[in-house]
Each structure stands twice: as C-alpha cells, then as structure tokens.
Amino acid sequence: MGETGIENQIKELIVELLFLTDTSPEEIKDDDVLAETLAMDSVAIFQVVAGLEEEFEISFADDTFEMEKFQSVASIARVVRDKLAAKGGNA
C-alpha cells in the first residue's frame, strides 16, 4: 500500500459512511479540518471510527480516544498507521 493508500481509504470511508453525495473523496484534502470543511460532529467522527475499526481490523480503546487525533485525514491516517504497526501489520 502506497504512502497515500491509507489516506485514500479514509476519504472513501468518510464519503461512504456520512453519505456525502455532493463530495468526492478526491475533494477532501489531507489537512482539511473535517469539522469545518465537512461539518463533521462527534457523532460523525464516531461513525468514521467504527468504519475504520472494521476496514483496518484495528481497535480504538476509549481511554486513548482523543478528538484532536480525528481532526483531519492526515491525523486519522497517523493513528491508523500507529495501530497497524502496533499489531504488526504493514503501515
């Protein structure tokens, strides 16, 4: 998986899970603040987190859940890569 592979998967997941019919994954920039650009609230973030857990077969423990880690595609990708590395996957 390429350097932007995880970012692309996250963008596709966001568009799919949040039913963003007017937004394509390509329109979402890695550093966009999702709360501002896509009006994502905490409920939407939790939907995305659940999707990430399923997509990447990782788990986000409640005690490590910090909203600032889910502000942008780039920050989400860092968390996903850390989780994949911790479980011995290819990050």
C-alpha atoms as a PDB file:
ATOM      1  CA  MET A   1       0.000   0.000   0.000  1.00  0.00           C
ATOM      2  CA  GLY A   2       1.387   3.356  -1.018  1.00  0.00           C
ATOM      3  CA  GLU A   3       2.011   6.336   1.212  1.00  0.00           C
ATOM      4  CA  THR A   4      -1.369   7.823   0.341  1.00  0.00           C
ATOM      5  CA  GLY A   5      -3.221   4.498   0.280  1.00  0.00           C
ATOM      6  CA  ILE A   6      -4.483   4.823   3.836  1.00  0.00           C
ATOM      7  CA  GLU A   7      -5.465   8.466   3.308  1.00  0.00           C
ATOM      8  CA  ASN A   8      -7.454   7.494   0.207  1.00  0.00           C
ATOM      9  CA  GLN A   9      -9.199   4.672   2.064  1.00  0.00           C
ATOM     10  CA  ILE A  10     -10.109   7.075   4.875  1.00  0.00           C
ATOM     11  CA  LYS A  11     -11.529   9.620   2.410  1.00  0.00           C
ATOM     12  CA  GLU A  12     -13.605   6.947   0.669  1.00  0.00           C
ATOM     13  CA  LEU A  13     -14.832   5.723   4.051  1.00  0.00           C
ATOM     14  CA  ILE A  14     -15.828   9.237   5.146  1.00  0.00           C
ATOM     15  CA  VAL A  15     -17.781   9.873   1.934  1.00  0.00           C
ATOM     16  CA  GLU A  16     -19.479   6.470   2.133  1.00  0.00           C
ATOM     17  CA  LEU A  17     -20.318   6.431   5.854  1.00  0.00           C
ATOM     18  CA  LEU A  18     -21.547  10.011   6.021  1.00  0.00           C
ATOM     19  CA  PHE A  19     -23.491   9.803   2.751  1.00  0.00           C
ATOM     20  CA  LEU A  20     -21.668  12.813   1.303  1.00  0.00           C
ATOM     21  CA  THR A  21     -23.358  12.689  -2.073  1.00  0.00           C
ATOM     22  CA  ASP A  22     -22.058  16.128  -3.065  1.00  0.00           C
ATOM     23  CA  THR A  23     -18.446  15.374  -2.133  1.00  0.00           C
ATOM     24  CA  SER A  24     -15.976  13.038  -3.816  1.00  0.00           C
ATOM     25  CA  PRO A  25     -13.040  11.543  -1.899  1.00  0.00           C
ATOM     26  CA  GLU A  26     -10.654  13.451  -4.187  1.00  0.00           C
ATOM     27  CA  GLU A  27     -12.096  16.773  -2.983  1.00  0.00           C
ATOM     28  CA  ILE A  28     -11.088  16.115   0.621  1.00  0.00           C
ATOM     29  CA  LYS A  29      -7.589  17.369   1.342  1.00  0.00           C
ATOM     30  CA  ASP A  30      -5.394  15.507   3.824  1.00  0.00           C
ATOM     31  CA  ASP A  31      -5.042  18.563   6.073  1.00  0.00           C
ATOM     32  CA  ASP A  32      -8.649  19.814   5.908  1.00  0.00           C
ATOM     33  CA  VAL A  33     -10.176  20.268   9.358  1.00  0.00           C
ATOM     34  CA  LEU A  34     -13.087  17.897   8.903  1.00  0.00           C
ATOM     35  CA  ALA A  35     -15.342  19.639  11.427  1.00  0.00           C
ATOM     36  CA  GLU A  36     -15.092  22.800   9.330  1.00  0.00           C
ATOM     37  CA  THR A  37     -14.937  21.529   5.750  1.00  0.00           C
ATOM     38  CA  LEU A  38     -17.411  18.644   6.078  1.00  0.00           C
ATOM     39  CA  ALA A  39     -19.320  19.805   9.174  1.00  0.00           C
ATOM     40  CA  MET A  40     -18.364  16.576  10.940  1.00  0.00           C
ATOM     41  CA  ASP A  41     -19.533  16.489  14.540  1.00  0.00           C
ATOM     42  CA  SER A  42     -18.661  13.985  17.265  1.00  0.00           C
ATOM     43  CA  VAL A  43     -21.390  11.580  16.117  1.00  0.00           C
ATOM     44  CA  ALA A  44     -19.969  11.586  12.583  1.00  0.00           C
ATOM     45  CA  ILE A  45     -16.463  11.051  13.968  1.00  0.00           C
ATOM     46  CA  PHE A  46     -17.672   8.004  15.917  1.00  0.00           C
ATOM     47  CA  GLN A  47     -19.279   6.610  12.748  1.00  0.00           C
ATOM     48  CA  VAL A  48     -15.970   7.010  10.937  1.00  0.00           C
ATOM     49  CA  VAL A  49     -14.047   5.430  13.826  1.00  0.00           C
ATOM     50  CA  ALA A  50     -16.369   2.405  13.730  1.00  0.00           C
ATOM     51  CA  GLY A  51     -15.772   2.170   9.980  1.00  0.00           C
ATOM     52  CA  LEU A  52     -12.007   2.423  10.477  1.00  0.00           C
ATOM     53  CA  GLU A  53     -12.077  -0.378  13.039  1.00  0.00           C
ATOM     54  CA  GLU A  54     -13.862  -2.625  10.568  1.00  0.00           C
ATOM     55  CA  GLU A  55     -11.889  -1.571   7.479  1.00  0.00           C
ATOM     56  CA  PHE A  56      -8.435  -1.911   9.035  1.00  0.00           C
ATOM     57  CA  GLU A  57      -9.246  -4.544  11.700  1.00  0.00           C
ATOM     58  CA  ILE A  58      -7.971  -2.307  14.480  1.00  0.00           C
ATOM     59  CA  SER A  59      -9.480  -1.089  17.732  1.00  0.00           C
ATOM     60  CA  PHE A  60      -9.659   2.343  19.318  1.00  0.00           C
ATOM     61  CA  ALA A  61      -9.821   1.947  23.080  1.00  0.00           C
ATOM     62  CA  ASP A  62     -11.979   4.543  24.824  1.00  0.00           C
ATOM     63  CA  ASP A  63      -9.109   5.613  27.051  1.00  0.00           C
ATOM     64  CA  THR A  64      -6.989   6.595  24.041  1.00  0.00           C
ATOM     65  CA  PHE A  65      -9.749   8.347  22.136  1.00  0.00           C
ATOM     66  CA  GLU A  66      -8.864  11.982  21.637  1.00  0.00           C
ATOM     67  CA  MET A  67     -10.913  14.113  19.248  1.00  0.00           C
ATOM     68  CA  GLU A  68      -7.872  16.064  18.043  1.00  0.00           C
ATOM     69  CA  LYS A  69      -6.495  12.836  16.553  1.00  0.00           C
ATOM     70  CA  PHE A  70      -9.511  12.798  14.250  1.00  0.00           C
ATOM     71  CA  GLN A  71      -9.438  16.399  13.017  1.00  0.00           C
ATOM     72  CA  SER A  72      -8.086  15.664   9.545  1.00  0.00           C
ATOM     73  CA  VAL A  73      -7.458  12.797   7.174  1.00  0.00           C
ATOM     74  CA  ALA A  74      -3.715  13.170   7.825  1.00  0.00           C
ATOM     75  CA  SER A  75      -4.137  12.916  11.612  1.00  0.00           C
ATOM     76  CA  ILE A  76      -6.506   9.943  11.276  1.00  0.00           C
ATOM     77  CA  ALA A  77      -4.002   8.224   8.963  1.00  0.00           C
ATOM     78  CA  ARG A  78      -1.252   8.669  11.582  1.00  0.00           C
ATOM     79  CA  VAL A  79      -3.420   6.970  14.212  1.00  0.00           C
ATOM     80  CA  VAL A  80      -4.324   4.142  11.813  1.00  0.00           C
ATOM     81  CA  ARG A  81      -0.650   3.614  10.887  1.00  0.00           C
ATOM     82  CA  ASP A  82       0.311   3.536  14.586  1.00  0.00           C
ATOM     83  CA  LYS A  83      -2.420   0.969  15.289  1.00  0.00           C
ATOM     84  CA  LEU A  84      -1.378  -1.169  12.316  1.00  0.00           C
ATOM     85  CA  ALA A  85       2.270  -1.010  13.363  1.00  0.00           C
ATOM     86  CA  ALA A  86       1.372  -1.952  16.931  1.00  0.00           C
ATOM     87  CA  LYS A  87      -0.472  -5.048  15.755  1.00  0.00           C
ATOM     88  CA  GLY A  88       2.364  -5.972  13.410  1.00  0.00           C
ATOM     89  CA  GLY A  89       0.666  -5.051  10.160  1.00  0.00           C
ATOM     90  CA  ASN A  90       2.116  -3.136   7.259  1.00  0.00           C
ATOM     91  CA  ALA A  91       1.675   0.560   7.951  1.00  0.00           C
END
